[in-house]
Amino acid sequence: MQWVLIATGFTGALTLVFLLRPRLQVFRAAGRNAGVFLPKGGCQDAIVRELKRARKEILVQAYSFTADPITYGLVEAKKRGVHVEILLDRSNEEASYSDLHILVENQVPILIDAKHAIAHNKIMVVDRKVVLTGSFNFTNQAEHENAENLLILTHHHDLVKHYLENYQAHKSHSQPSQNHAPAAPKPFHHKAA
């Protein structure tokens, strides 16, 4: 008789798990959130991990762009068919150290946001599900020398919607980069971090 009670309890527990499973998915989908703080490294790696997870779209707003691991992560995403689009501050067109030329050579669409004194955003929206933002500029100096932070927010639909609206507002007054890619892009070789 005791085995019957145990079996009934076990069956009931499985039934409960089956019935509650969709609700548990909602809680799980509520967010995979993370904070990364420098100076100990890790922001570039966290961003590259998110870029590798991208399947459809990566939208970027950036002030400065000199972090090769992130640059090549965006190029790799584009090469595997992800739509990549970047809005940069106008200083990237004049700065010789900017990775703008690498992005242009690999045919990543670049728009320049010159409407503001400084387009100081540091934002990525990945697959309209993940927002990456914080003080972290997409630069080597930010990764290795500065005190910075990066916040990764996943499945916060209202927040993603606001960031997408912000992106579209800035895109509407941005212009294509004046840097032009050569006729044939240079071969792509990933640089070691």
Protein backbone atom coordinates (compact mmCIF):
# COMPACT_ATOMS: atom_id res chain seq x y z
CA MET A 1 0.00 0.00 0.00
CA GLN A 2 2.87 2.33 0.79
CA TRP A 3 4.21 1.93 -2.78
CA VAL A 4 0.86 2.98 -4.18
CA LEU A 5 0.97 6.20 -2.12
CA ILE A 6 4.55 6.89 -3.22
CA ALA A 7 3.69 6.25 -6.88
CA THR A 8 0.62 8.46 -6.62
CA GLY A 9 2.66 11.23 -5.05
CA PHE A 10 5.36 10.91 -7.69
CA THR A 11 2.77 10.95 -10.49
CA GLY A 12 1.13 14.00 -8.93
CA ALA A 13 4.47 15.80 -8.74
CA LEU A 14 5.19 15.08 -12.41
CA THR A 15 1.71 16.33 -13.33
CA LEU A 16 2.33 19.52 -11.35
CA VAL A 17 5.67 20.08 -13.10
CA PHE A 18 4.00 19.50 -16.49
CA LEU A 19 1.21 21.99 -15.69
CA LEU A 20 3.50 24.64 -14.24
CA ARG A 21 6.22 24.30 -16.89
CA PRO A 22 4.90 27.18 -19.10
CA ARG A 23 4.77 29.47 -16.06
CA LEU A 24 8.32 28.51 -15.10
CA GLN A 25 9.45 29.40 -18.65
CA VAL A 26 7.99 32.89 -18.14
CA PHE A 27 10.04 33.34 -14.98
CA ARG A 28 13.16 31.99 -16.68
CA ALA A 29 12.58 34.29 -19.68
CA ALA A 30 12.23 37.27 -17.35
CA GLY A 31 15.91 37.88 -17.76
CA ARG A 32 19.46 36.70 -17.82
CA ASN A 33 20.99 39.81 -16.37
CA ALA A 34 24.61 40.51 -15.61
CA GLY A 35 26.82 43.34 -14.48
CA VAL A 36 30.50 43.51 -15.37
CA PHE A 37 32.85 45.94 -13.67
CA LEU A 38 36.35 47.06 -14.58
CA PRO A 39 39.30 47.45 -13.93
CA LYS A 40 39.80 43.72 -13.99
CA GLY A 41 38.78 43.00 -17.56
CA GLY A 42 35.78 41.10 -18.78
CA CYS A 43 33.59 43.64 -20.57
CA GLN A 44 34.97 42.80 -24.02
CA ASP A 45 34.56 39.06 -23.40
CA ALA A 46 30.98 39.54 -22.17
CA ILE A 47 30.11 41.63 -25.25
CA VAL A 48 31.74 39.15 -27.66
CA ARG A 49 29.75 36.30 -26.04
CA GLU A 50 26.52 38.22 -26.72
CA LEU A 51 27.60 38.95 -30.30
CA LYS A 52 28.21 35.23 -30.86
CA ARG A 53 24.68 34.49 -29.61
CA ALA A 54 23.13 36.92 -32.10
CA ARG A 55 21.00 35.28 -34.78
CA LYS A 56 19.18 38.14 -36.54
CA GLU A 57 20.27 41.67 -35.68
CA ILE A 58 22.81 43.77 -33.80
CA LEU A 59 22.26 47.52 -33.49
CA VAL A 60 25.10 49.57 -32.01
CA GLN A 61 25.46 53.16 -30.82
CA ALA A 62 28.99 54.11 -29.81
CA TYR A 63 31.15 57.10 -29.06
CA SER A 64 34.52 55.50 -29.71
CA PHE A 65 35.42 52.18 -31.29
CA THR A 66 38.93 50.75 -30.84
CA ALA A 67 38.36 47.33 -29.22
CA ASP A 68 39.41 44.79 -31.85
CA PRO A 69 37.67 41.80 -30.19
CA ILE A 70 34.34 43.66 -30.39
CA THR A 71 35.04 44.96 -33.90
CA TYR A 72 35.85 41.49 -35.19
CA GLY A 73 32.91 40.03 -33.26
CA LEU A 74 30.62 42.36 -35.23
CA VAL A 75 32.36 41.45 -38.50
CA GLU A 76 31.98 37.73 -37.71
CA ALA A 77 28.28 38.23 -36.94
CA LYS A 78 27.77 40.00 -40.27
CA LYS A 79 29.59 37.22 -42.12
CA ARG A 80 27.25 34.61 -40.64
CA GLY A 81 24.22 36.57 -41.86
CA VAL A 82 23.31 38.73 -38.86
CA HIS A 83 22.14 42.26 -39.79
CA VAL A 84 24.69 44.59 -38.15
CA GLU A 85 24.22 48.35 -38.13
CA ILE A 86 26.31 50.91 -36.24
CA LEU A 87 25.81 54.58 -35.33
CA LEU A 88 29.10 56.26 -34.38
CA ASP A 89 30.15 59.67 -33.14
CA ARG A 90 31.75 61.82 -35.86
CA SER A 91 35.15 61.68 -34.12
CA ASN A 92 35.60 58.14 -35.52
CA GLU A 93 35.92 59.53 -39.05
CA GLU A 94 38.93 61.63 -38.09
CA ALA A 95 40.65 59.44 -35.49
CA SER A 96 43.36 57.24 -36.99
CA TYR A 97 43.05 54.80 -34.08
CA SER A 98 39.33 54.11 -34.66
CA ASP A 99 38.29 50.70 -35.96
CA LEU A 100 35.86 52.43 -38.33
CA HIS A 101 38.02 51.51 -41.35
CA ILE A 102 37.93 47.79 -40.41
CA LEU A 103 34.13 47.89 -40.22
CA VAL A 104 33.84 49.78 -43.51
CA GLU A 105 36.29 47.42 -45.26
CA ASN A 106 34.12 44.50 -44.15
CA GLN A 107 30.98 46.24 -45.43
CA VAL A 108 29.35 46.79 -42.04
CA PRO A 109 26.87 49.69 -42.46
CA ILE A 110 28.12 52.73 -40.55
CA LEU A 111 26.14 55.89 -39.92
CA ILE A 112 27.62 58.98 -38.28
CA ASP A 113 25.57 60.80 -35.64
CA ALA A 114 26.92 64.35 -35.93
CA LYS A 115 23.84 66.17 -34.64
CA HIS A 116 25.15 66.36 -31.08
CA ALA A 117 28.31 67.84 -29.56
CA ILE A 118 29.22 64.22 -28.76
CA ALA A 119 27.20 61.11 -29.60
CA HIS A 120 28.24 59.49 -26.32
CA ASN A 121 25.94 56.46 -26.28
CA LYS A 122 27.38 53.03 -25.54
CA ILE A 123 24.56 50.69 -26.44
CA MET A 124 24.03 47.41 -28.24
CA VAL A 125 20.65 45.80 -28.89
CA VAL A 126 20.96 42.14 -29.90
CA ASP A 127 18.07 40.30 -31.58
CA ARG A 128 15.63 42.77 -30.02
CA LYS A 129 15.99 40.79 -26.78
CA VAL A 130 19.26 41.87 -25.19
CA VAL A 131 20.42 45.38 -24.24
CA LEU A 132 24.07 46.02 -23.40
CA THR A 133 24.81 49.44 -21.94
CA GLY A 134 26.85 51.22 -19.30
CA SER A 135 29.83 53.52 -19.05
CA PHE A 136 32.02 51.08 -21.01
CA ASN A 137 33.20 52.60 -24.29
CA PHE A 138 34.02 49.99 -26.91
CA THR A 139 37.73 50.71 -26.57
CA ASN A 140 40.92 48.98 -25.45
CA GLN A 141 41.58 51.77 -22.94
CA ALA A 142 38.19 51.22 -21.32
CA GLU A 143 38.90 47.48 -21.00
CA HIS A 144 42.44 47.72 -19.65
CA GLU A 145 42.81 51.07 -17.87
CA ASN A 146 39.50 52.58 -16.78
CA ALA A 147 36.97 51.99 -14.03
CA GLU A 148 33.91 51.07 -16.10
CA ASN A 149 30.68 49.11 -15.98
CA LEU A 150 28.61 47.10 -18.41
CA LEU A 151 25.03 46.01 -17.84
CA ILE A 152 23.51 43.15 -19.86
CA LEU A 153 19.71 42.95 -19.71
CA THR A 154 17.82 40.12 -21.38
CA HIS A 155 14.10 39.74 -22.12
CA HIS A 156 13.03 43.10 -20.71
CA HIS A 157 10.67 43.84 -23.59
CA ASP A 158 9.61 47.35 -22.54
CA LEU A 159 13.21 48.40 -21.99
CA VAL A 160 14.28 46.93 -25.34
CA LYS A 161 11.44 48.85 -27.00
CA HIS A 162 12.70 52.15 -25.50
CA TYR A 163 16.26 51.46 -26.65
CA LEU A 164 15.03 50.59 -30.15
CA GLU A 165 13.03 53.84 -30.28
CA ASN A 166 16.15 55.75 -29.17
CA TYR A 167 18.20 54.00 -31.84
CA GLN A 168 15.68 54.87 -34.57
CA ALA A 169 15.53 58.51 -33.41
CA HIS A 170 19.32 58.85 -33.72
CA LYS A 171 19.43 56.88 -36.96
CA SER A 172 16.92 59.28 -38.50
CA HIS A 173 19.36 62.22 -38.28
CA SER A 174 22.56 60.28 -38.96
CA GLN A 175 24.42 60.22 -42.27
CA PRO A 176 26.47 57.49 -43.99
CA SER A 177 30.14 57.50 -43.08
CA GLN A 178 32.40 59.42 -45.46
CA ASN A 179 35.02 56.68 -45.19
CA HIS A 180 34.72 54.47 -48.22
CA ALA A 181 35.64 50.83 -48.45
CA PRO A 182 38.02 49.69 -51.17
CA ALA A 183 36.47 47.89 -54.13
CA ALA A 184 37.22 44.46 -52.63
CA PRO A 185 37.31 44.06 -48.83
CA LYS A 186 40.54 42.88 -47.28
CA PRO A 187 40.60 39.26 -46.13
CA PHE A 188 39.22 38.86 -42.64
CA HIS A 189 41.60 37.56 -39.98
CA HIS A 190 40.55 37.53 -36.35
CA LYS A 191 43.11 39.19 -34.11
CA ALA A 192 43.90 37.49 -30.82
CA ALA A 193 42.80 39.41 -27.75
